[in-house]
Amino acid sequence: MLNELEEFCAYTEQPVYTTTGKRDNSFLGRFTFDMIMDFEGLSRVLTIFARGYLFQNDENPYDRIELARRALCAWCSVPERSDGNKKDNPKASWQFTTDFREYNTEFPEIVDETGGGWFYRHVHAVADFMQNSPGKVSKTALDKAEPINTGFDSAWRKKVMQFQVPISSPETKGAWVLRFDDILADALELGALRKQEVAFSSDDMQIIEAITPEGVPAEVISILIAYYNANKPADSDWVVLPVTNFDAYFGNTNFSRKWLNQIPPEIMERQKQSFGICRYQMKVLATRKRLCEPFPCIKNDGFLTQ
């Protein structure tokens, strides 16, 4: 969660669909089933993605806004329905356009010639892997394959339409959806992708291990402290915790459904969770910022290298 460069690569490079056992969900990549079926946590995913395209070497990110918008459309692209069914007399093109195959030449790794965007192809590859290898995944996971294959396209198409609602839309519903405009604004404010690593001293790690509740890995507490220190604003003691994305980082839902509930308020205080996020503040080592931060190398074609 601290290495945003690594996270960007997880959303743009070709995933490996394999498992080491039925409890291994690594075939999902940096995603969870909640992210695939309920679209929780996609705000962070899209913001990380947009930052990777906005901030290139010494170029002005404001000159790259339209390029980043096209990249977002390409990543989210959904092929047109075979029946060609669209809204009758749409008021504007954004109300039905979800197929962005025209960006294949500019972003060949993000959208293919048939309009299948990176996320669309990844989700269907996940479902295909589960159905073709039922003995390698849990029954709970396997039961999600058919609903994904039959319901994902329609749900994702509606979501991509919402992403394109103009920021000036007078409709009430336009004020309550996540839009590409919101993503780009957040990306500009957050700046270039950071590459950070947890680097606590041995004394700090002894403190962390001593206060870690039984049943919770010490790594969880150390990452929560480091993430808090790296993202704490100057005018608040609270930091937004992307719970769903932390689940994806750890590769399971133990973080949200087990470990968080075992951390007492004396160590970490958190507010009510909604739509996969909450706010929290650390009570231990909350002012020790021992993190290393090398700068990423960004190539001109929009993709980052190590």
C-alpha atoms as a PDB file:
ATOM      1  CA  MET A   1       0.000   0.000   0.000  1.00  0.00           C
ATOM      2  CA  LEU A   2       3.011   2.293   0.367  1.00  0.00           C
ATOM      3  CA  ASN A   3       4.593   1.362  -2.958  1.00  0.00           C
ATOM      4  CA  GLU A   4       2.249   3.103  -5.381  1.00  0.00           C
ATOM      5  CA  LEU A   5       4.514   2.307  -8.313  1.00  0.00           C
ATOM      6  CA  GLU A   6       4.072  -1.403  -7.640  1.00  0.00           C
ATOM      7  CA  GLU A   7       0.333  -0.856  -7.288  1.00  0.00           C
ATOM      8  CA  PHE A   8       0.156   0.945 -10.651  1.00  0.00           C
ATOM      9  CA  CYS A   9       1.923  -1.965 -12.323  1.00  0.00           C
ATOM     10  CA  ALA A  10      -0.611  -4.379 -10.805  1.00  0.00           C
ATOM     11  CA  TYR A  11      -3.388  -2.469 -12.613  1.00  0.00           C
ATOM     12  CA  THR A  12      -1.670  -2.309 -16.000  1.00  0.00           C
ATOM     13  CA  GLU A  13       0.524  -5.375 -16.512  1.00  0.00           C
ATOM     14  CA  GLN A  14      -0.599  -8.850 -17.547  1.00  0.00           C
ATOM     15  CA  PRO A  15      -1.709 -10.812 -14.456  1.00  0.00           C
ATOM     16  CA  VAL A  16      -0.694 -14.402 -13.773  1.00  0.00           C
ATOM     17  CA  TYR A  17      -3.684 -16.666 -13.146  1.00  0.00           C
ATOM     18  CA  THR A  18      -2.541 -19.411 -10.808  1.00  0.00           C
ATOM     19  CA  THR A  19      -2.924 -20.603  -7.230  1.00  0.00           C
ATOM     20  CA  THR A  20      -0.932 -22.630  -4.712  1.00  0.00           C
ATOM     21  CA  GLY A  21      -4.041 -23.998  -3.020  1.00  0.00           C
ATOM     22  CA  LYS A  22      -7.744 -23.459  -2.568  1.00  0.00           C
ATOM     23  CA  ARG A  23      -7.190 -20.710   0.003  1.00  0.00           C
ATOM     24  CA  ASP A  24      -4.903 -18.788  -2.350  1.00  0.00           C
ATOM     25  CA  ASN A  25      -6.694 -15.949  -4.149  1.00  0.00           C
ATOM     26  CA  SER A  26      -3.635 -14.635  -5.987  1.00  0.00           C
ATOM     27  CA  PHE A  27      -5.413 -15.283  -9.289  1.00  0.00           C
ATOM     28  CA  LEU A  28      -7.480 -12.169  -8.483  1.00  0.00           C
ATOM     29  CA  GLY A  29      -4.388  -9.986  -8.757  1.00  0.00           C
ATOM     30  CA  ARG A  30      -4.588  -6.749  -6.733  1.00  0.00           C
ATOM     31  CA  PHE A  31      -8.384  -7.129  -6.448  1.00  0.00           C
ATOM     32  CA  THR A  32     -11.010  -8.753  -4.265  1.00  0.00           C
ATOM     33  CA  PHE A  33     -14.419 -10.157  -5.169  1.00  0.00           C
ATOM     34  CA  ASP A  34     -16.000  -7.074  -3.567  1.00  0.00           C
ATOM     35  CA  MET A  35     -14.049  -4.926  -6.009  1.00  0.00           C
ATOM     36  CA  ILE A  36     -15.143  -7.058  -8.956  1.00  0.00           C
ATOM     37  CA  MET A  37     -18.790  -7.594  -8.034  1.00  0.00           C
ATOM     38  CA  ASP A  38     -19.634  -4.456  -6.043  1.00  0.00           C
ATOM     39  CA  PHE A  39     -16.945  -2.101  -7.423  1.00  0.00           C
ATOM     40  CA  GLU A  40     -15.732  -1.172  -3.941  1.00  0.00           C
ATOM     41  CA  GLY A  41     -12.253   0.311  -3.812  1.00  0.00           C
ATOM     42  CA  LEU A  42     -12.155   1.361  -7.467  1.00  0.00           C
ATOM     43  CA  SER A  43     -11.764   5.023  -6.569  1.00  0.00           C
ATOM     44  CA  ARG A  44      -8.225   4.356  -5.356  1.00  0.00           C
ATOM     45  CA  VAL A  45      -7.466   2.046  -8.281  1.00  0.00           C
ATOM     46  CA  LEU A  46      -8.487   4.646 -10.858  1.00  0.00           C
ATOM     47  CA  THR A  47      -6.728   7.476  -9.019  1.00  0.00           C
ATOM     48  CA  ILE A  48      -3.461   5.520  -8.861  1.00  0.00           C
ATOM     49  CA  PHE A  49      -3.890   4.718 -12.555  1.00  0.00           C
ATOM     50  CA  ALA A  50      -4.552   8.354 -13.494  1.00  0.00           C
ATOM     51  CA  ARG A  51      -1.532   9.604 -11.520  1.00  0.00           C
ATOM     52  CA  GLY A  52       0.684   7.251 -13.502  1.00  0.00           C
ATOM     53  CA  TYR A  53      -0.378   8.980 -16.723  1.00  0.00           C
ATOM     54  CA  LEU A  54      -0.583  12.551 -15.455  1.00  0.00           C
ATOM     55  CA  PHE A  55       2.898  12.788 -14.000  1.00  0.00           C
ATOM     56  CA  GLN A  56       5.557  12.147 -16.609  1.00  0.00           C
ATOM     57  CA  ASN A  57       9.118  13.307 -16.014  1.00  0.00           C
ATOM     58  CA  ASP A  58       9.084  17.124 -15.895  1.00  0.00           C
ATOM     59  CA  GLU A  59       5.949  17.595 -18.000  1.00  0.00           C
ATOM     60  CA  ASN A  60       3.118  19.751 -16.699  1.00  0.00           C
ATOM     61  CA  PRO A  61       0.393  17.327 -15.505  1.00  0.00           C
ATOM     62  CA  TYR A  62      -2.295  19.838 -16.476  1.00  0.00           C
ATOM     63  CA  ASP A  63      -1.170  19.461 -20.085  1.00  0.00           C
ATOM     64  CA  ARG A  64      -1.777  15.706 -19.804  1.00  0.00           C
ATOM     65  CA  ILE A  65      -5.328  15.741 -18.428  1.00  0.00           C
ATOM     66  CA  GLU A  66      -6.988  14.734 -21.693  1.00  0.00           C
ATOM     67  CA  LEU A  67      -4.425  11.959 -22.240  1.00  0.00           C
ATOM     68  CA  ALA A  68      -5.133  10.627 -18.741  1.00  0.00           C
ATOM     69  CA  ARG A  69      -8.874  10.818 -19.403  1.00  0.00           C
ATOM     70  CA  ARG A  70      -8.466   8.766 -22.588  1.00  0.00           C
ATOM     71  CA  ALA A  71      -6.380   6.236 -20.662  1.00  0.00           C
ATOM     72  CA  LEU A  72      -9.135   5.953 -18.031  1.00  0.00           C
ATOM     73  CA  CYS A  73     -11.732   5.380 -20.758  1.00  0.00           C
ATOM     74  CA  ALA A  74      -9.519   2.732 -22.349  1.00  0.00           C
ATOM     75  CA  TRP A  75      -8.934   0.891 -19.041  1.00  0.00           C
ATOM     76  CA  CYS A  76     -12.673   0.897 -18.286  1.00  0.00           C
ATOM     77  CA  SER A  77     -13.815   0.055 -21.830  1.00  0.00           C
ATOM     78  CA  VAL A  78     -16.631  -2.467 -22.299  1.00  0.00           C
ATOM     79  CA  PRO A  79     -17.317  -3.954 -25.765  1.00  0.00           C
ATOM     80  CA  GLU A  80     -20.588  -2.935 -27.359  1.00  0.00           C
ATOM     81  CA  ARG A  81     -23.485  -5.285 -26.815  1.00  0.00           C
ATOM     82  CA  SER A  82     -23.983  -7.711 -29.684  1.00  0.00           C
ATOM     83  CA  ASP A  83     -27.612  -6.628 -30.108  1.00  0.00           C
ATOM     84  CA  GLY A  84     -26.511  -3.047 -30.583  1.00  0.00           C
ATOM     85  CA  ASN A  85     -29.077  -1.945 -28.019  1.00  0.00           C
ATOM     86  CA  LYS A  86     -28.562   1.647 -26.949  1.00  0.00           C
ATOM     87  CA  LYS A  87     -30.748   4.339 -25.486  1.00  0.00           C
ATOM     88  CA  ASP A  88     -33.189   5.844 -27.946  1.00  0.00           C
ATOM     89  CA  ASN A  89     -32.433   9.473 -28.738  1.00  0.00           C
ATOM     90  CA  PRO A  90     -29.705   9.932 -26.127  1.00  0.00           C
ATOM     91  CA  LYS A  91     -29.152  13.494 -24.985  1.00  0.00           C
ATOM     92  CA  ALA A  92     -25.382  13.193 -25.130  1.00  0.00           C
ATOM     93  CA  SER A  93     -22.822  10.614 -26.244  1.00  0.00           C
ATOM     94  CA  TRP A  94     -21.607   9.946 -22.704  1.00  0.00           C
ATOM     95  CA  GLN A  95     -25.010   8.450 -21.890  1.00  0.00           C
ATOM     96  CA  PHE A  96     -24.254   5.286 -23.863  1.00  0.00           C
ATOM     97  CA  THR A  97     -20.589   5.243 -24.925  1.00  0.00           C
ATOM     98  CA  THR A  98     -18.657   2.565 -23.052  1.00  0.00           C
ATOM     99  CA  ASP A  99     -16.685   0.995 -25.919  1.00  0.00           C
ATOM    100  CA  PHE A 100     -13.400   2.826 -26.455  1.00  0.00           C
ATOM    101  CA  ARG A 101     -11.684   0.527 -28.930  1.00  0.00           C
ATOM    102  CA  GLU A 102     -10.565   3.608 -30.885  1.00  0.00           C
ATOM    103  CA  TYR A 103      -7.896   4.108 -28.206  1.00  0.00           C
ATOM    104  CA  ASN A 104      -6.285   0.741 -28.948  1.00  0.00           C
ATOM    105  CA  THR A 105      -3.566   2.336 -31.084  1.00  0.00           C
ATOM    106  CA  GLU A 106      -2.660   4.793 -28.335  1.00  0.00           C
ATOM    107  CA  PHE A 107      -3.013   2.330 -25.428  1.00  0.00           C
ATOM    108  CA  PRO A 108      -2.691  -1.208 -26.859  1.00  0.00           C
ATOM    109  CA  GLU A 109      -1.981  -2.793 -23.451  1.00  0.00           C
ATOM    110  CA  ILE A 110      -5.023  -1.129 -21.860  1.00  0.00           C
ATOM    111  CA  VAL A 111      -7.743  -1.786 -24.458  1.00  0.00           C
ATOM    112  CA  ASP A 112      -7.847  -4.341 -27.271  1.00  0.00           C
ATOM    113  CA  GLU A 113      -9.202  -4.010 -30.818  1.00  0.00           C
ATOM    114  CA  THR A 114     -12.619  -5.352 -29.790  1.00  0.00           C
ATOM    115  CA  GLY A 115     -13.156  -2.777 -27.029  1.00  0.00           C
ATOM    116  CA  GLY A 116     -12.183  -4.988 -24.116  1.00  0.00           C
ATOM    117  CA  GLY A 117     -10.530  -2.774 -21.528  1.00  0.00           C
ATOM    118  CA  TRP A 118      -7.918  -4.030 -19.048  1.00  0.00           C
ATOM    119  CA  PHE A 119     -10.381  -4.429 -16.173  1.00  0.00           C
ATOM    120  CA  TYR A 120     -13.044  -6.078 -18.348  1.00  0.00           C
ATOM    121  CA  ARG A 121     -10.537  -8.631 -19.659  1.00  0.00           C
ATOM    122  CA  HIS A 122      -9.095  -9.274 -16.205  1.00  0.00           C
ATOM    123  CA  VAL A 123     -12.486  -9.957 -14.645  1.00  0.00           C
ATOM    124  CA  HIS A 124     -13.490 -12.423 -17.357  1.00  0.00           C
ATOM    125  CA  ALA A 125     -10.076 -14.095 -17.184  1.00  0.00           C
ATOM    126  CA  VAL A 126     -10.635 -14.581 -13.435  1.00  0.00           C
ATOM    127  CA  ALA A 127     -14.038 -16.170 -14.046  1.00  0.00           C
ATOM    128  CA  ASP A 128     -12.643 -18.387 -16.820  1.00  0.00           C
ATOM    129  CA  PHE A 129      -9.764 -19.523 -14.600  1.00  0.00           C
ATOM    130  CA  MET A 130     -12.165 -20.549 -11.830  1.00  0.00           C
ATOM    131  CA  GLN A 131     -14.460 -22.437 -14.177  1.00  0.00           C
ATOM    132  CA  ASN A 132     -11.608 -24.153 -16.009  1.00  0.00           C
ATOM    133  CA  SER A 133      -9.752 -25.066 -12.796  1.00  0.00           C
ATOM    134  CA  PRO A 134     -12.478 -25.823 -10.225  1.00  0.00           C
ATOM    135  CA  GLY A 135     -10.149 -28.041  -8.206  1.00  0.00           C
ATOM    136  CA  LYS A 136      -7.735 -25.143  -7.598  1.00  0.00           C
ATOM    137  CA  VAL A 137     -10.161 -22.658  -6.026  1.00  0.00           C
ATOM    138  CA  SER A 138     -12.511 -22.724  -3.060  1.00  0.00           C
ATOM    139  CA  LYS A 139     -16.194 -23.483  -3.512  1.00  0.00           C
ATOM    140  CA  THR A 140     -17.023 -19.967  -2.293  1.00  0.00           C
ATOM    141  CA  ALA A 141     -14.895 -18.509  -5.082  1.00  0.00           C
ATOM    142  CA  LEU A 142     -16.167 -20.957  -7.697  1.00  0.00           C
ATOM    143  CA  ASP A 143     -19.774 -20.011  -6.919  1.00  0.00           C
ATOM    144  CA  LYS A 144     -18.980 -16.459  -8.037  1.00  0.00           C
ATOM    145  CA  ALA A 145     -17.782 -17.431 -11.520  1.00  0.00           C
ATOM    146  CA  GLU A 146     -21.217 -17.795 -13.118  1.00  0.00           C
ATOM    147  CA  PRO A 147     -22.665 -14.545 -11.644  1.00  0.00           C
ATOM    148  CA  ILE A 148     -19.582 -12.713 -12.933  1.00  0.00           C
ATOM    149  CA  ASN A 149     -19.947 -14.140 -16.443  1.00  0.00           C
ATOM    150  CA  THR A 150     -23.654 -13.370 -16.625  1.00  0.00           C
ATOM    151  CA  GLY A 151     -23.939 -10.100 -14.725  1.00  0.00           C
ATOM    152  CA  PHE A 152     -20.638  -8.248 -14.815  1.00  0.00           C
ATOM    153  CA  ASP A 153     -20.880  -6.731 -18.301  1.00  0.00           C
ATOM    154  CA  SER A 154     -24.196  -4.997 -17.705  1.00  0.00           C
ATOM    155  CA  ALA A 155     -23.253  -3.727 -14.236  1.00  0.00           C
ATOM    156  CA  TRP A 156     -19.829  -2.486 -15.367  1.00  0.00           C
ATOM    157  CA  ARG A 157     -21.308  -0.794 -18.437  1.00  0.00           C
ATOM    158  CA  LYS A 158     -23.648   1.201 -16.194  1.00  0.00           C
ATOM    159  CA  LYS A 159     -20.729   2.113 -13.947  1.00  0.00           C
ATOM    160  CA  VAL A 160     -18.641   3.340 -16.881  1.00  0.00           C
ATOM    161  CA  MET A 161     -21.574   5.495 -17.992  1.00  0.00           C
ATOM    162  CA  GLN A 162     -21.682   7.034 -14.527  1.00  0.00           C
ATOM    163  CA  PHE A 163     -17.949   7.777 -14.672  1.00  0.00           C
ATOM    164  CA  GLN A 164     -18.686  10.053 -17.624  1.00  0.00           C
ATOM    165  CA  VAL A 165     -21.473  12.132 -16.063  1.00  0.00           C
ATOM    166  CA  PRO A 166     -20.407  15.761 -16.621  1.00  0.00           C
ATOM    167  CA  ILE A 167     -19.299  17.610 -13.517  1.00  0.00           C
ATOM    168  CA  SER A 168     -21.858  20.304 -14.344  1.00  0.00           C
ATOM    169  CA  SER A 169     -24.769  17.864 -14.517  1.00  0.00           C
ATOM    170  CA  PRO A 170     -27.859  19.414 -12.849  1.00  0.00           C
ATOM    171  CA  GLU A 171     -29.308  15.995 -12.065  1.00  0.00           C
ATOM    172  CA  THR A 172     -29.339  15.007  -8.400  1.00  0.00           C
ATOM    173  CA  LYS A 173     -27.909  11.584  -9.203  1.00  0.00           C
ATOM    174  CA  GLY A 174     -24.922  13.265 -10.803  1.00  0.00           C
ATOM    175  CA  ALA A 175     -23.865  14.551  -7.401  1.00  0.00           C
ATOM    176  CA  TRP A 176     -23.624  11.081  -5.872  1.00  0.00           C
ATOM    177  CA  VAL A 177     -21.545   9.118  -8.351  1.00  0.00           C
ATOM    178  CA  LEU A 178     -17.820   8.760  -8.886  1.00  0.00           C
ATOM    179  CA  ARG A 179     -16.764  10.492 -12.107  1.00  0.00           C
ATOM    180  CA  PHE A 180     -13.625  10.691 -14.184  1.00  0.00           C
ATOM    181  CA  ASP A 181     -13.561  14.401 -13.328  1.00  0.00           C
ATOM    182  CA  ASP A 182     -13.363  13.556  -9.613  1.00  0.00           C
ATOM    183  CA  ILE A 183     -10.637  10.987 -10.223  1.00  0.00           C
ATOM    184  CA  LEU A 184      -8.515  13.412 -12.241  1.00  0.00           C
ATOM    185  CA  ALA A 185      -8.952  16.170  -9.650  1.00  0.00           C
ATOM    186  CA  ASP A 186      -7.839  13.833  -6.831  1.00  0.00           C
ATOM    187  CA  ALA A 187      -4.922  12.584  -8.925  1.00  0.00           C
ATOM    188  CA  LEU A 188      -3.689  16.130  -9.594  1.00  0.00           C
ATOM    189  CA  GLU A 189      -3.862  16.972  -5.898  1.00  0.00           C
ATOM    190  CA  LEU A 190      -2.050  13.807  -4.768  1.00  0.00           C
ATOM    191  CA  GLY A 191       0.814  14.220  -7.224  1.00  0.00           C
ATOM    192  CA  ALA A 192       3.263  11.724  -8.673  1.00  0.00           C
ATOM    193  CA  LEU A 193       3.240   8.097  -7.581  1.00  0.00           C
ATOM    194  CA  ARG A 194       5.370   7.365  -4.537  1.00  0.00           C
ATOM    195  CA  LYS A 195       7.527   4.329  -3.943  1.00  0.00           C
ATOM    196  CA  GLN A 196       7.887   3.821  -0.205  1.00  0.00           C
ATOM    197  CA  GLU A 197       8.861   0.960   2.045  1.00  0.00           C
ATOM    198  CA  VAL A 198       8.404   0.302   5.741  1.00  0.00           C
ATOM    199  CA  ALA A 199      11.730   1.035   7.431  1.00  0.00           C
ATOM    200  CA  PHE A 200      11.202   1.076  11.186  1.00  0.00           C
ATOM    201  CA  SER A 201      14.161   0.708  13.518  1.00  0.00           C
ATOM    202  CA  SER A 202      14.657  -2.484  15.505  1.00  0.00           C
ATOM    203  CA  ASP A 203      13.477  -0.631  18.647  1.00  0.00           C
ATOM    204  CA  ASP A 204      10.287   0.453  16.894  1.00  0.00           C
ATOM    205  CA  MET A 205       9.645  -3.077  15.658  1.00  0.00           C
ATOM    206  CA  GLN A 206      10.016  -4.391  19.202  1.00  0.00           C
ATOM    207  CA  ILE A 207       7.335  -1.927  20.307  1.00  0.00           C
ATOM    208  CA  ILE A 208       5.072  -2.961  17.437  1.00  0.00           C
ATOM    209  CA  GLU A 209       5.489  -6.657  18.144  1.00  0.00           C
ATOM    210  CA  ALA A 210       4.808  -6.084  21.840  1.00  0.00           C
ATOM    211  CA  ILE A 211       1.508  -4.268  21.268  1.00  0.00           C
ATOM    212  CA  THR A 212       0.263  -6.450  18.387  1.00  0.00           C
ATOM    213  CA  PRO A 213      -2.894  -8.324  19.488  1.00  0.00           C
ATOM    214  CA  GLU A 214      -2.810 -12.098  19.405  1.00  0.00           C
ATOM    215  CA  GLY A 215      -3.950 -13.411  16.047  1.00  0.00           C
ATOM    216  CA  VAL A 216      -2.930 -10.269  14.147  1.00  0.00           C
ATOM    217  CA  PRO A 217       0.335 -10.286  12.152  1.00  0.00           C
ATOM    218  CA  ALA A 218       2.803  -7.625  13.313  1.00  0.00           C
ATOM    219  CA  GLU A 219       3.153  -6.676   9.643  1.00  0.00           C
ATOM    220  CA  VAL A 220      -0.430  -5.385   9.688  1.00  0.00           C
ATOM    221  CA  ILE A 221       0.248  -2.982  12.562  1.00  0.00           C
ATOM    222  CA  SER A 222       3.530  -1.779  11.069  1.00  0.00           C
ATOM    223  CA  ILE A 223       1.933  -1.080   7.674  1.00  0.00           C
ATOM    224  CA  LEU A 224      -1.005   0.720   9.292  1.00  0.00           C
ATOM    225  CA  ILE A 225       1.438   2.948  11.193  1.00  0.00           C
ATOM    226  CA  ALA A 226       3.578   3.601   8.120  1.00  0.00           C
ATOM    227  CA  TYR A 227       0.531   4.313   5.925  1.00  0.00           C
ATOM    228  CA  TYR A 228      -0.814   6.691   8.562  1.00  0.00           C
ATOM    229  CA  ASN A 229       2.474   8.586   8.781  1.00  0.00           C
ATOM    230  CA  ALA A 230       2.810   8.792   5.011  1.00  0.00           C
ATOM    231  CA  ASN A 231      -0.724  10.102   4.424  1.00  0.00           C
ATOM    232  CA  LYS A 232      -1.556  12.185   7.508  1.00  0.00           C
ATOM    233  CA  PRO A 233      -2.646  15.716   6.472  1.00  0.00           C
ATOM    234  CA  ALA A 234      -1.212  18.720   8.278  1.00  0.00           C
ATOM    235  CA  ASP A 235      -4.611  19.897   9.495  1.00  0.00           C
ATOM    236  CA  SER A 236      -6.099  16.642  10.817  1.00  0.00           C
ATOM    237  CA  ASP A 237      -5.265  13.610  12.934  1.00  0.00           C
ATOM    238  CA  TRP A 238      -7.454  11.387  10.752  1.00  0.00           C
ATOM    239  CA  VAL A 239      -6.396   9.475   7.648  1.00  0.00           C
ATOM    240  CA  VAL A 240      -8.680   7.783   5.120  1.00  0.00           C
ATOM    241  CA  LEU A 241      -8.166   4.020   5.249  1.00  0.00           C
ATOM    242  CA  PRO A 242      -9.036   2.213   1.973  1.00  0.00           C
ATOM    243  CA  VAL A 243     -10.070  -1.020   3.671  1.00  0.00           C
ATOM    244  CA  THR A 244     -11.032  -2.908   0.517  1.00  0.00           C
ATOM    245  CA  ASN A 245      -7.708  -2.046  -1.109  1.00  0.00           C
ATOM    246  CA  PHE A 246      -5.864  -3.265   1.982  1.00  0.00           C
ATOM    247  CA  ASP A 247      -7.732  -6.557   1.611  1.00  0.00           C
ATOM    248  CA  ALA A 248      -6.487  -6.742  -1.983  1.00  0.00           C
ATOM    249  CA  TYR A 249      -2.943  -5.952  -0.828  1.00  0.00           C
ATOM    250  CA  PHE A 250      -2.958  -8.801   1.722  1.00  0.00           C
ATOM    251  CA  GLY A 251      -4.615 -11.153  -0.766  1.00  0.00           C
ATOM    252  CA  ASN A 252      -7.641 -12.038   1.366  1.00  0.00           C
ATOM    253  CA  THR A 253     -10.419 -10.498   3.460  1.00  0.00           C
ATOM    254  CA  ASN A 254      -8.780 -11.234   6.821  1.00  0.00           C
ATOM    255  CA  PHE A 255      -7.815  -7.571   7.113  1.00  0.00           C
ATOM    256  CA  SER A 256     -11.379  -6.202   7.009  1.00  0.00           C
ATOM    257  CA  ARG A 257     -13.255  -9.132   8.544  1.00  0.00           C
ATOM    258  CA  LYS A 258     -10.836 -10.285  11.209  1.00  0.00           C
ATOM    259  CA  TRP A 259      -7.712  -8.273  11.970  1.00  0.00           C
ATOM    260  CA  LEU A 260      -9.203  -4.772  12.141  1.00  0.00           C
ATOM    261  CA  ASN A 261     -11.786  -5.860  14.697  1.00  0.00           C
ATOM    262  CA  GLN A 262      -9.043  -7.235  16.945  1.00  0.00           C
ATOM    263  CA  ILE A 263      -7.067  -3.975  17.149  1.00  0.00           C
ATOM    264  CA  PRO A 264      -8.091  -2.088  20.325  1.00  0.00           C
ATOM    265  CA  PRO A 265      -8.754   1.686  20.271  1.00  0.00           C
ATOM    266  CA  GLU A 266      -5.702   2.212  22.482  1.00  0.00           C
ATOM    267  CA  ILE A 267      -3.618   1.282  19.427  1.00  0.00           C
ATOM    268  CA  MET A 268      -5.837   2.447  16.576  1.00  0.00           C
ATOM    269  CA  GLU A 269      -9.093   4.389  16.619  1.00  0.00           C
ATOM    270  CA  ARG A 270     -11.327   4.142  13.583  1.00  0.00           C
ATOM    271  CA  GLN A 271     -14.700   5.437  12.540  1.00  0.00           C
ATOM    272  CA  LYS A 272     -17.605   3.637  10.899  1.00  0.00           C
ATOM    273  CA  GLN A 273     -16.798   1.983   7.596  1.00  0.00           C
ATOM    274  CA  SER A 274     -18.841   2.702   4.471  1.00  0.00           C
ATOM    275  CA  PHE A 275     -18.349   1.599   0.846  1.00  0.00           C
ATOM    276  CA  GLY A 276     -15.047  -0.053   1.710  1.00  0.00           C
ATOM    277  CA  ILE A 277     -13.387   2.932   3.411  1.00  0.00           C
ATOM    278  CA  CYS A 278     -13.195   4.518   6.865  1.00  0.00           C
ATOM    279  CA  ARG A 279     -11.094   7.052   8.754  1.00  0.00           C
ATOM    280  CA  TYR A 280      -8.544   6.089  11.384  1.00  0.00           C
ATOM    281  CA  GLN A 281      -5.782   7.418  13.587  1.00  0.00           C
ATOM    282  CA  MET A 282      -2.883   5.591  15.164  1.00  0.00           C
ATOM    283  CA  LYS A 283      -2.076   6.022  18.851  1.00  0.00           C
ATOM    284  CA  VAL A 284       1.338   4.334  18.746  1.00  0.00           C
ATOM    285  CA  LEU A 285       4.457   5.564  16.902  1.00  0.00           C
ATOM    286  CA  ALA A 286       2.224   7.984  15.049  1.00  0.00           C
ATOM    287  CA  THR A 287       4.933  10.601  14.610  1.00  0.00           C
ATOM    288  CA  ARG A 288       7.898   8.452  13.547  1.00  0.00           C
ATOM    289  CA  LYS A 289       8.279   8.708   9.795  1.00  0.00           C
ATOM    290  CA  ARG A 290      11.000   6.212   9.059  1.00  0.00           C
ATOM    291  CA  LEU A 291      10.267   5.477   5.433  1.00  0.00           C
ATOM    292  CA  CYS A 292      12.530   5.355   2.410  1.00  0.00           C
ATOM    293  CA  GLU A 293      11.244   7.029  -0.727  1.00  0.00           C
ATOM    294  CA  PRO A 294      13.182   6.509  -3.976  1.00  0.00           C
ATOM    295  CA  PHE A 295      11.674   8.236  -6.994  1.00  0.00           C
ATOM    296  CA  PRO A 296      10.160   6.111  -9.767  1.00  0.00           C
ATOM    297  CA  CYS A 297      11.370   6.142 -13.336  1.00  0.00           C
ATOM    298  CA  ILE A 298       8.643   6.922 -15.868  1.00  0.00           C
ATOM    299  CA  LYS A 299       8.999   6.212 -19.572  1.00  0.00           C
ATOM    300  CA  ASN A 300       7.492   8.445 -22.224  1.00  0.00           C
ATOM    301  CA  ASP A 301       4.942   5.851 -23.320  1.00  0.00           C
ATOM    302  CA  GLY A 302       3.051   6.260 -20.073  1.00  0.00           C
ATOM    303  CA  PHE A 303       4.199   3.119 -18.289  1.00  0.00           C
ATOM    304  CA  LEU A 304       6.397   3.037 -15.246  1.00  0.00           C
ATOM    305  CA  THR A 305       9.519   0.990 -14.802  1.00  0.00           C
ATOM    306  CA  GLN A 306      11.244  -0.193 -11.659  1.00  0.00           C
END
